[in-house]
Amino acid sequence: MRIRRILGLALAAATLVGASVVGAAGAGAASYPNISRDDCTAAGGHVVARAYAGEACALPDGTTPAIT
């Protein structure tokens, strides 16, 4: 009985680790691509400075992709 409980806990932990890895990969794939200054202004956005992170483009839809 004790072995079953230990194996069940190990399986549950492995499942949680696998789910978090898949979630992190999905979040990375859903991130916005970089944009140039010209593309930013053409899309109706404006360039903003971010502390310690360089410049970004503030678009009208609320997204802020990084400036390349």
C-alpha atoms as a PDB file:
ATOM      1  CA  MET A   1       0.000   0.000   0.000  1.00  0.00           C
ATOM      2  CA  ARG A   2       2.816   2.389   0.821  1.00  0.00           C
ATOM      3  CA  ILE A   3       4.517   1.699  -2.513  1.00  0.00           C
ATOM      4  CA  ARG A   4       1.322   2.623  -4.378  1.00  0.00           C
ATOM      5  CA  ARG A   5       1.105   5.922  -2.533  1.00  0.00           C
ATOM      6  CA  ILE A   6       4.739   6.771  -3.313  1.00  0.00           C
ATOM      7  CA  LEU A   7       4.298   5.847  -6.979  1.00  0.00           C
ATOM      8  CA  GLY A   8       1.106   7.881  -7.157  1.00  0.00           C
ATOM      9  CA  LEU A   9       2.842  10.943  -5.722  1.00  0.00           C
ATOM     10  CA  ALA A  10       5.747  10.519  -8.144  1.00  0.00           C
ATOM     11  CA  LEU A  11       3.342  10.275 -11.079  1.00  0.00           C
ATOM     12  CA  ALA A  12       1.432  13.361  -9.934  1.00  0.00           C
ATOM     13  CA  ALA A  13       4.675  15.344  -9.581  1.00  0.00           C
ATOM     14  CA  ALA A  14       5.854  14.262 -13.031  1.00  0.00           C
ATOM     15  CA  THR A  15       2.505  15.286 -14.523  1.00  0.00           C
ATOM     16  CA  LEU A  16       2.714  18.745 -12.956  1.00  0.00           C
ATOM     17  CA  VAL A  17       6.278  19.234 -14.199  1.00  0.00           C
ATOM     18  CA  GLY A  18       5.254  18.189 -17.712  1.00  0.00           C
ATOM     19  CA  ALA A  19       2.292  20.565 -17.692  1.00  0.00           C
ATOM     20  CA  SER A  20       4.437  23.491 -16.583  1.00  0.00           C
ATOM     21  CA  VAL A  21       7.002  22.811 -19.323  1.00  0.00           C
ATOM     22  CA  VAL A  22       4.264  22.717 -21.959  1.00  0.00           C
ATOM     23  CA  GLY A  23       2.762  25.936 -20.581  1.00  0.00           C
ATOM     24  CA  ALA A  24       6.112  27.733 -20.684  1.00  0.00           C
ATOM     25  CA  ALA A  25       6.718  26.641 -24.273  1.00  0.00           C
ATOM     26  CA  GLY A  26       3.261  27.822 -25.292  1.00  0.00           C
ATOM     27  CA  ALA A  27       3.760  31.196 -23.649  1.00  0.00           C
ATOM     28  CA  GLY A  28       7.035  31.673 -25.484  1.00  0.00           C
ATOM     29  CA  ALA A  29       5.415  30.845 -28.803  1.00  0.00           C
ATOM     30  CA  ALA A  30       2.579  33.288 -28.171  1.00  0.00           C
ATOM     31  CA  SER A  31       4.841  36.252 -27.488  1.00  0.00           C
ATOM     32  CA  TYR A  32       4.783  39.153 -29.920  1.00  0.00           C
ATOM     33  CA  PRO A  33       7.545  39.517 -32.526  1.00  0.00           C
ATOM     34  CA  ASN A  34       9.878  42.482 -32.645  1.00  0.00           C
ATOM     35  CA  ILE A  35       8.955  45.474 -34.784  1.00  0.00           C
ATOM     36  CA  SER A  36      10.947  48.280 -36.415  1.00  0.00           C
ATOM     37  CA  ARG A  37      10.467  51.980 -35.648  1.00  0.00           C
ATOM     38  CA  ASP A  38       9.021  52.611 -39.108  1.00  0.00           C
ATOM     39  CA  ASP A  39       6.552  49.727 -38.815  1.00  0.00           C
ATOM     40  CA  CYS A  40       5.543  51.001 -35.380  1.00  0.00           C
ATOM     41  CA  THR A  41       4.602  54.461 -36.587  1.00  0.00           C
ATOM     42  CA  ALA A  42       2.969  53.042 -39.724  1.00  0.00           C
ATOM     43  CA  ALA A  43       0.728  50.895 -37.520  1.00  0.00           C
ATOM     44  CA  GLY A  44      -0.390  53.943 -35.517  1.00  0.00           C
ATOM     45  CA  GLY A  45       1.812  53.298 -32.500  1.00  0.00           C
ATOM     46  CA  HIS A  46       4.497  55.340 -30.786  1.00  0.00           C
ATOM     47  CA  VAL A  47       7.931  54.454 -29.447  1.00  0.00           C
ATOM     48  CA  VAL A  48       8.255  54.322 -25.654  1.00  0.00           C
ATOM     49  CA  ALA A  49      11.370  53.834 -23.530  1.00  0.00           C
ATOM     50  CA  ARG A  50      11.337  51.032 -20.948  1.00  0.00           C
ATOM     51  CA  ALA A  51      13.703  51.150 -17.990  1.00  0.00           C
ATOM     52  CA  TYR A  52      16.470  48.562 -18.387  1.00  0.00           C
ATOM     53  CA  ALA A  53      14.662  46.956 -21.333  1.00  0.00           C
ATOM     54  CA  GLY A  54      15.297  49.268 -24.284  1.00  0.00           C
ATOM     55  CA  GLU A  55      12.549  50.690 -26.446  1.00  0.00           C
ATOM     56  CA  ALA A  56       9.132  49.309 -27.297  1.00  0.00           C
ATOM     57  CA  CYS A  57       6.270  50.224 -29.589  1.00  0.00           C
ATOM     58  CA  ALA A  58       2.972  51.046 -27.854  1.00  0.00           C
ATOM     59  CA  LEU A  59       0.317  49.980 -30.367  1.00  0.00           C
ATOM     60  CA  PRO A  60      -3.327  51.091 -30.241  1.00  0.00           C
ATOM     61  CA  ASP A  61      -4.485  47.551 -29.377  1.00  0.00           C
ATOM     62  CA  GLY A  62      -2.466  47.650 -26.127  1.00  0.00           C
ATOM     63  CA  THR A  63       0.433  45.425 -27.140  1.00  0.00           C
ATOM     64  CA  THR A  64       4.039  46.585 -26.730  1.00  0.00           C
ATOM     65  CA  PRO A  65       6.467  44.609 -28.922  1.00  0.00           C
ATOM     66  CA  ALA A  66      10.169  45.377 -28.627  1.00  0.00           C
ATOM     67  CA  ILE A  67      11.834  47.687 -31.150  1.00  0.00           C
ATOM     68  CA  THR A  68      14.568  46.064 -33.259  1.00  0.00           C
END
